[in-house]
Amino acid sequence: MTYFLMFDVGGTKIKAGIFTDTGNLSDGRIRSFDSKANRPKDEIFRNFADIINSLIEQIRDSKKQIAGIGMAFPGPFDYENGVSKMTGLNKYDAIYGCDFKKELMEELKKTKAVKWMKKEPDFTFIHDVEAFATGESHYGAGACRRRVMYLCIGTGAGSSFTKEGKVLKSEADNVPENGWIYNTPFKDSVIDDYISSRGLRKISGKYLEEPADGAILYEMALRKEQGALQAFHEFGSWLAEAIAPFLQAFSPDCLVLGGQISKSYDFFGKQLDRCCKERGIAVELTEDTSLSILKGLFVQMRI
C-alpha cells in the first residue's frame, strides 16, 4: 500500500502522522518528536531522517511504499521551492537557504528508509496555518461554510481565509496580503506582539507578581484566581479589537480558532463572541490543531 508522511514542524516539537492513500490517519496516532531546531544543519536534517525512519518502522505492511512527504512550516519560508528563510529566530537558523528536499534525501539515502521510498517521492511545503485552514475547510468546522476566517493563537497570530474551500491570499478578496494579519499595526506595535503567547505573558505581569505563561495562567483561571481571570479578560479585549476590522472587511460566515491558547477560550472569548454575534458570525474551536494541519497537507499533496 502507498503511504504519505505529514509533518507539522514547530520550533520546539515536530508532530507527525502516517496517512494512507485514502486520506486516513494510519493507526489514528499523531506522534511528537523534539525539533532540535537550534542545532547545526547536519543534526537538523539527521533528526528529520531519524523521525522518518521511526515512522516507517511503525507501518506493519511488508509492501509499504512512501510516496510523499508533506511539511507545514511557519514563515518565513519559500514554500514553492522548499527553502527555509527563517533567521534570527533561534529556530532553524542553520538551514537558512537550504534546499530542504535535496538535503533531506541525501540524509535518507544513508538510512534503511530509502528501501521503502518511491524513487522520487513527492514533496509538499505549505504554511502551517494555510494547512490548518485547508484541513478544516475539507474535514472540520469550515467544511460546510462558504467564507471562513481561521486564526491560530500560539507563539504568534497565524491566520488564513477561505472561500468555498479555496485559500485566499489577495487584497482583492478583502483579505490582507497572503491572508496574514500578524504584521498589521496594532496599538504601539503589530498584532503578533499582542495576540500571542508573549502578548498574554505581558498582560499577566500587570495582574500577577510575575509574568506567567499561558498554561500556568489556564490552571490559575481554573482555580478562579482573580489575577489570571483579569489577564485573560484583557487579552480577550485585545483579540476582539485586533480582528474586528478583518471580520468587517471579509464578512465570514464562521471564525475557526486553533492553536494552544485557544484552549483557554472560555476565559477570554466573551468579547469576541459578542463581536461575532453582532455580525452573524459563528465561532468554532478546533479539537486538534495539528491533526487539521496534517490533513490539510494531505489534501494539498493530492490536489
Protein backbone atom coordinates (compact mmCIF):
# COMPACT_ATOMS: atom_id res chain seq x y z
CA MET A 1 0.00 0.00 0.00
CA THR A 2 1.06 3.59 -0.59
CA TYR A 3 1.64 5.88 2.39
CA PHE A 4 2.30 9.57 2.96
CA LEU A 5 4.21 11.13 5.85
CA MET A 6 2.95 14.50 7.06
CA PHE A 7 4.76 16.88 9.42
CA ASP A 8 3.63 19.88 11.46
CA VAL A 9 7.03 21.47 12.05
CA GLY A 10 7.32 23.71 15.07
CA GLY A 11 10.25 25.34 16.79
CA THR A 12 10.03 23.04 19.83
CA LYS A 13 8.16 19.96 18.62
CA ILE A 14 7.51 18.22 15.33
CA LYS A 15 4.12 16.50 15.10
CA ALA A 16 3.91 13.74 12.50
CA GLY A 17 1.30 11.41 11.06
CA ILE A 18 1.20 8.49 8.63
CA PHE A 19 -1.58 8.70 6.04
CA THR A 20 -2.86 6.02 3.71
CA ASP A 21 -3.61 6.86 0.08
CA THR A 22 -7.29 7.18 1.02
CA GLY A 23 -6.54 10.02 3.44
CA ASN A 24 -6.92 8.07 6.66
CA LEU A 25 -4.52 8.63 9.54
CA SER A 26 -2.85 5.25 9.95
CA ASP A 27 -3.49 3.79 13.45
CA GLY A 28 -5.13 7.12 14.38
CA ARG A 29 -1.99 8.43 16.05
CA ILE A 30 -0.11 11.70 15.84
CA ARG A 31 3.42 11.30 17.13
CA SER A 32 5.52 14.06 18.69
CA PHE A 33 9.28 14.50 18.40
CA ASP A 34 11.84 17.07 19.55
CA SER A 35 12.54 19.53 16.75
CA LYS A 36 16.22 20.16 17.56
CA ALA A 37 15.59 23.41 15.73
CA ASN A 38 18.55 25.26 17.23
CA ARG A 39 21.12 22.58 16.30
CA PRO A 40 23.62 22.67 13.40
CA LYS A 41 22.39 21.91 9.87
CA ASP A 42 23.57 18.30 9.76
CA GLU A 43 21.85 17.50 13.04
CA ILE A 44 18.58 19.08 11.93
CA PHE A 45 18.38 17.02 8.76
CA ARG A 46 19.58 13.89 10.56
CA ASN A 47 16.76 14.42 13.05
CA PHE A 48 14.18 14.58 10.24
CA ALA A 49 15.67 11.42 8.71
CA ASP A 50 15.52 9.65 12.08
CA ILE A 51 11.88 10.66 12.51
CA ILE A 52 11.01 9.36 9.04
CA ASN A 53 12.73 6.05 9.80
CA SER A 54 10.84 5.82 13.08
CA LEU A 55 7.51 6.41 11.31
CA ILE A 56 8.25 3.85 8.61
CA GLU A 57 9.03 1.25 11.27
CA GLN A 58 5.51 1.75 12.66
CA ILE A 59 3.89 0.68 9.37
CA ARG A 60 3.11 -3.03 9.58
CA ASP A 61 2.93 -3.64 5.85
CA SER A 62 5.53 -5.71 4.04
CA LYS A 63 4.66 -3.99 0.74
CA LYS A 64 4.59 -0.42 2.05
CA GLN A 65 5.85 2.41 -0.10
CA ILE A 66 6.32 6.04 0.97
CA ALA A 67 5.02 8.07 -1.97
CA GLY A 68 5.05 11.55 -0.50
CA ILE A 69 6.25 13.77 2.33
CA GLY A 70 4.43 16.93 3.38
CA MET A 71 5.91 19.66 5.57
CA ALA A 72 3.98 22.51 7.22
CA PHE A 73 6.38 25.24 8.34
CA PRO A 74 5.81 28.64 9.92
CA GLY A 75 7.17 31.53 7.89
CA PRO A 76 9.27 32.97 6.53
CA PHE A 77 9.72 30.09 4.08
CA ASP A 78 9.89 29.75 0.30
CA TYR A 79 7.13 27.16 0.05
CA GLU A 80 7.25 26.81 -3.72
CA ASN A 81 10.92 25.85 -3.73
CA GLY A 82 11.18 24.26 -0.30
CA VAL A 83 13.72 26.70 1.13
CA SER A 84 13.68 28.00 4.71
CA LYS A 85 14.05 31.75 5.13
CA MET A 86 13.97 31.72 8.93
CA THR A 87 16.83 33.56 10.55
CA GLY A 88 17.41 35.28 13.89
CA LEU A 89 14.50 33.36 15.45
CA ASN A 90 16.55 30.76 17.34
CA LYS A 91 14.92 28.03 15.27
CA TYR A 92 16.14 26.50 12.02
CA ASP A 93 18.68 29.29 11.53
CA ALA A 94 21.25 26.67 10.45
CA ILE A 95 19.18 25.56 7.43
CA TYR A 96 18.57 29.06 6.10
CA GLY A 97 18.71 28.98 2.29
CA CYS A 98 18.99 25.18 2.11
CA ASP A 99 17.16 23.10 -0.49
CA PHE A 100 15.16 21.11 2.06
CA LYS A 101 14.19 18.22 -0.22
CA LYS A 102 17.72 17.77 -1.57
CA GLU A 103 19.36 17.87 1.87
CA LEU A 104 16.81 15.52 3.42
CA MET A 105 17.01 12.99 0.59
CA GLU A 106 20.81 12.95 0.90
CA GLU A 107 20.42 12.13 4.59
CA LEU A 108 17.75 9.50 3.95
CA LYS A 109 20.00 7.69 1.48
CA LYS A 110 22.27 6.88 4.41
CA THR A 111 19.44 5.03 6.17
CA LYS A 112 17.27 1.99 5.58
CA ALA A 113 14.26 4.26 4.96
CA VAL A 114 15.27 4.58 1.32
CA LYS A 115 14.32 0.91 0.79
CA TRP A 116 10.68 1.79 1.40
CA MET A 117 10.53 5.05 -0.51
CA LYS A 118 9.36 5.79 -4.00
CA LYS A 119 12.38 6.64 -6.14
CA GLU A 120 11.28 10.27 -6.38
CA PRO A 121 8.78 10.85 -3.55
CA ASP A 122 6.53 13.87 -3.88
CA PHE A 123 7.27 16.78 -1.55
CA THR A 124 4.83 19.47 -0.49
CA PHE A 125 5.69 22.54 1.59
CA ILE A 126 2.97 24.81 2.92
CA HIS A 127 2.48 27.50 5.56
CA ASP A 128 1.25 25.85 8.75
CA VAL A 129 -1.89 28.00 9.11
CA GLU A 130 -2.74 27.58 5.42
CA ALA A 131 -2.51 23.83 6.00
CA PHE A 132 -4.75 24.24 9.06
CA ALA A 133 -7.30 26.16 7.00
CA THR A 134 -7.21 23.57 4.22
CA GLY A 135 -7.71 20.73 6.68
CA GLU A 136 -10.57 22.47 8.46
CA SER A 137 -12.24 23.52 5.21
CA HIS A 138 -12.30 19.91 3.98
CA TYR A 139 -12.79 17.91 7.18
CA GLY A 140 -13.58 20.28 10.04
CA ALA A 141 -15.57 23.30 11.10
CA GLY A 142 -15.18 25.08 7.76
CA ALA A 143 -16.42 22.18 5.64
CA CYS A 144 -19.98 23.45 5.28
CA ARG A 145 -19.21 27.16 5.32
CA ARG A 146 -18.81 29.45 2.31
CA ARG A 147 -16.49 32.09 3.80
CA VAL A 148 -14.26 31.36 6.77
CA MET A 149 -11.52 33.14 8.70
CA TYR A 150 -9.01 30.96 10.54
CA LEU A 151 -6.86 32.13 13.43
CA CYS A 152 -4.25 30.08 15.29
CA ILE A 153 -3.07 31.72 18.50
CA GLY A 154 0.20 30.44 19.93
CA THR A 155 3.71 31.82 19.58
CA GLY A 156 2.14 34.26 17.13
CA ALA A 157 -1.15 35.10 15.43
CA GLY A 158 -1.33 32.87 12.37
CA SER A 159 -4.24 33.49 10.01
CA SER A 160 -5.83 32.34 6.79
CA PHE A 161 -9.06 32.93 4.86
CA THR A 162 -11.04 30.61 2.60
CA LYS A 163 -13.94 30.98 0.22
CA GLU A 164 -15.68 27.73 -0.76
CA GLY A 165 -12.62 25.81 0.40
CA LYS A 166 -10.10 27.86 -1.57
CA VAL A 167 -7.41 29.73 0.35
CA LEU A 168 -7.43 33.46 -0.42
CA LYS A 169 -4.23 35.50 -0.42
CA SER A 170 -5.02 38.66 -2.34
CA GLU A 171 -6.14 42.05 -1.07
CA ALA A 172 -8.61 42.00 -3.97
CA ASP A 173 -10.50 39.36 -1.98
CA ASN A 174 -10.78 41.69 1.03
CA VAL A 175 -8.07 39.85 2.95
CA PRO A 176 -4.58 41.10 3.87
CA GLU A 177 -1.62 40.08 1.70
CA ASN A 178 -1.09 36.29 1.91
CA GLY A 179 -4.04 36.17 4.30
CA TRP A 180 -1.70 37.11 7.15
CA ILE A 181 -2.77 39.53 9.86
CA TYR A 182 0.24 39.10 12.18
CA ASN A 183 2.16 42.15 10.90
CA THR A 184 -0.81 44.52 10.88
CA PRO A 185 -0.16 47.62 13.02
CA PHE A 186 -1.91 47.35 16.39
CA LYS A 187 -1.58 49.63 19.41
CA ASP A 188 2.12 50.55 19.63
CA SER A 189 3.40 47.60 17.59
CA VAL A 190 1.79 44.83 15.49
CA ILE A 191 -0.89 42.21 16.15
CA ASP A 192 1.67 39.43 16.60
CA ASP A 193 3.10 41.14 19.68
CA TYR A 194 -0.28 41.22 21.38
CA ILE A 195 -2.32 38.24 20.17
CA SER A 196 0.25 35.60 21.06
CA SER A 197 1.80 33.75 23.97
CA ARG A 198 4.19 36.63 24.61
CA GLY A 199 1.30 39.09 24.50
CA LEU A 200 -0.60 37.05 27.09
CA ARG A 201 2.53 36.79 29.21
CA LYS A 202 2.97 40.56 29.04
CA ILE A 203 -0.60 41.13 30.22
CA SER A 204 -0.21 38.64 33.08
CA GLY A 205 2.61 40.77 34.51
CA LYS A 206 0.07 43.52 35.17
CA TYR A 207 -2.10 41.32 37.38
CA LEU A 208 0.35 38.86 38.95
CA GLU A 209 3.50 39.26 41.00
CA GLU A 210 5.46 38.00 37.99
CA PRO A 211 4.52 37.18 34.36
CA ALA A 212 3.18 33.67 33.70
CA ASP A 213 2.91 31.53 30.59
CA GLY A 214 -0.44 30.53 29.13
CA ALA A 215 -0.53 27.01 30.58
CA ILE A 216 0.08 28.32 34.11
CA LEU A 217 -2.50 31.08 33.65
CA TYR A 218 -5.02 28.49 32.50
CA GLU A 219 -4.51 26.40 35.64
CA MET A 220 -4.84 29.53 37.77
CA ALA A 221 -8.02 30.52 35.96
CA LEU A 222 -9.49 27.09 36.60
CA ARG A 223 -8.89 27.79 40.29
CA LYS A 224 -10.69 31.12 39.79
CA GLU A 225 -7.64 33.17 40.78
CA GLN A 226 -8.54 36.79 40.04
CA GLY A 227 -5.21 37.84 38.54
CA ALA A 228 -5.38 35.16 35.87
CA LEU A 229 -9.04 35.86 35.14
CA GLN A 230 -8.28 39.56 34.71
CA ALA A 231 -5.35 38.82 32.41
CA PHE A 232 -7.48 36.61 30.17
CA HIS A 233 -10.26 39.21 30.14
CA GLU A 234 -7.89 41.91 28.91
CA PHE A 235 -6.39 39.52 26.36
CA GLY A 236 -9.90 38.87 25.06
CA SER A 237 -10.46 42.61 24.66
CA TRP A 238 -7.25 42.90 22.65
CA LEU A 239 -8.25 39.95 20.47
CA ALA A 240 -11.71 41.31 19.64
CA GLU A 241 -10.28 44.75 18.90
CA ALA A 242 -7.48 43.35 16.71
CA ILE A 243 -9.56 41.16 14.42
CA ALA A 244 -12.78 43.18 14.22
CA PRO A 245 -11.54 45.08 11.10
CA PHE A 246 -10.89 41.79 9.27
CA LEU A 247 -14.28 40.40 10.21
CA GLN A 248 -15.85 43.62 8.94
CA ALA A 249 -13.92 43.59 5.64
CA PHE A 250 -14.19 39.89 4.83
CA SER A 251 -17.62 39.13 6.31
CA PRO A 252 -17.01 35.43 7.04
CA ASP A 253 -19.78 33.02 7.92
CA CYS A 254 -17.53 31.47 10.53
CA LEU A 255 -14.37 32.12 12.55
CA VAL A 256 -12.37 28.98 13.38
CA LEU A 257 -9.84 29.20 16.20
CA GLY A 258 -6.87 26.89 16.74
CA GLY A 259 -3.51 26.97 18.49
CA GLN A 260 -2.58 26.28 22.08
CA ILE A 261 -4.02 29.47 23.56
CA SER A 262 -7.45 28.85 22.00
CA LYS A 263 -7.89 26.05 24.56
CA SER A 264 -8.39 28.78 27.15
CA TYR A 265 -11.21 30.35 25.12
CA ASP A 266 -13.74 30.00 27.95
CA PHE A 267 -11.70 32.58 29.88
CA PHE A 268 -11.09 35.16 27.15
CA GLY A 269 -13.73 34.63 24.48
CA LYS A 270 -16.66 36.68 25.78
CA GLN A 271 -15.79 39.89 23.94
CA LEU A 272 -15.03 38.05 20.70
CA ASP A 273 -18.30 36.13 20.97
CA ARG A 274 -20.13 39.44 21.26
CA CYS A 275 -18.22 40.95 18.34
CA CYS A 276 -19.03 37.95 16.12
CA LYS A 277 -22.65 37.68 17.20
CA GLU A 278 -23.24 41.29 16.16
CA ARG A 279 -22.06 40.34 12.66
CA GLY A 280 -23.83 36.97 12.44
CA ILE A 281 -20.52 35.07 12.51
CA ALA A 282 -20.30 31.64 14.14
CA VAL A 283 -17.25 30.87 16.28
CA GLU A 284 -15.81 27.35 16.24
CA LEU A 285 -12.87 25.85 18.16
CA THR A 286 -10.87 23.10 16.53
CA GLU A 287 -10.39 19.91 18.51
CA ASP A 288 -6.83 19.25 17.34
CA THR A 289 -4.84 21.92 15.50
CA SER A 290 -2.03 19.57 14.46
CA LEU A 291 -4.45 16.99 13.08
CA SER A 292 -6.09 19.65 10.91
CA ILE A 293 -2.66 20.77 9.69
CA LEU A 294 -1.67 17.23 8.75
CA LYS A 295 -4.97 16.63 6.98
CA GLY A 296 -4.57 19.91 5.10
CA LEU A 297 -1.11 18.84 3.95
CA PHE A 298 -2.54 15.60 2.62
CA VAL A 299 -5.28 17.45 0.73
CA GLN A 300 -2.73 19.83 -0.76
CA MET A 301 -0.47 16.99 -1.85
CA ARG A 302 -3.32 15.12 -3.54
CA ILE A 303 -4.79 18.10 -5.41
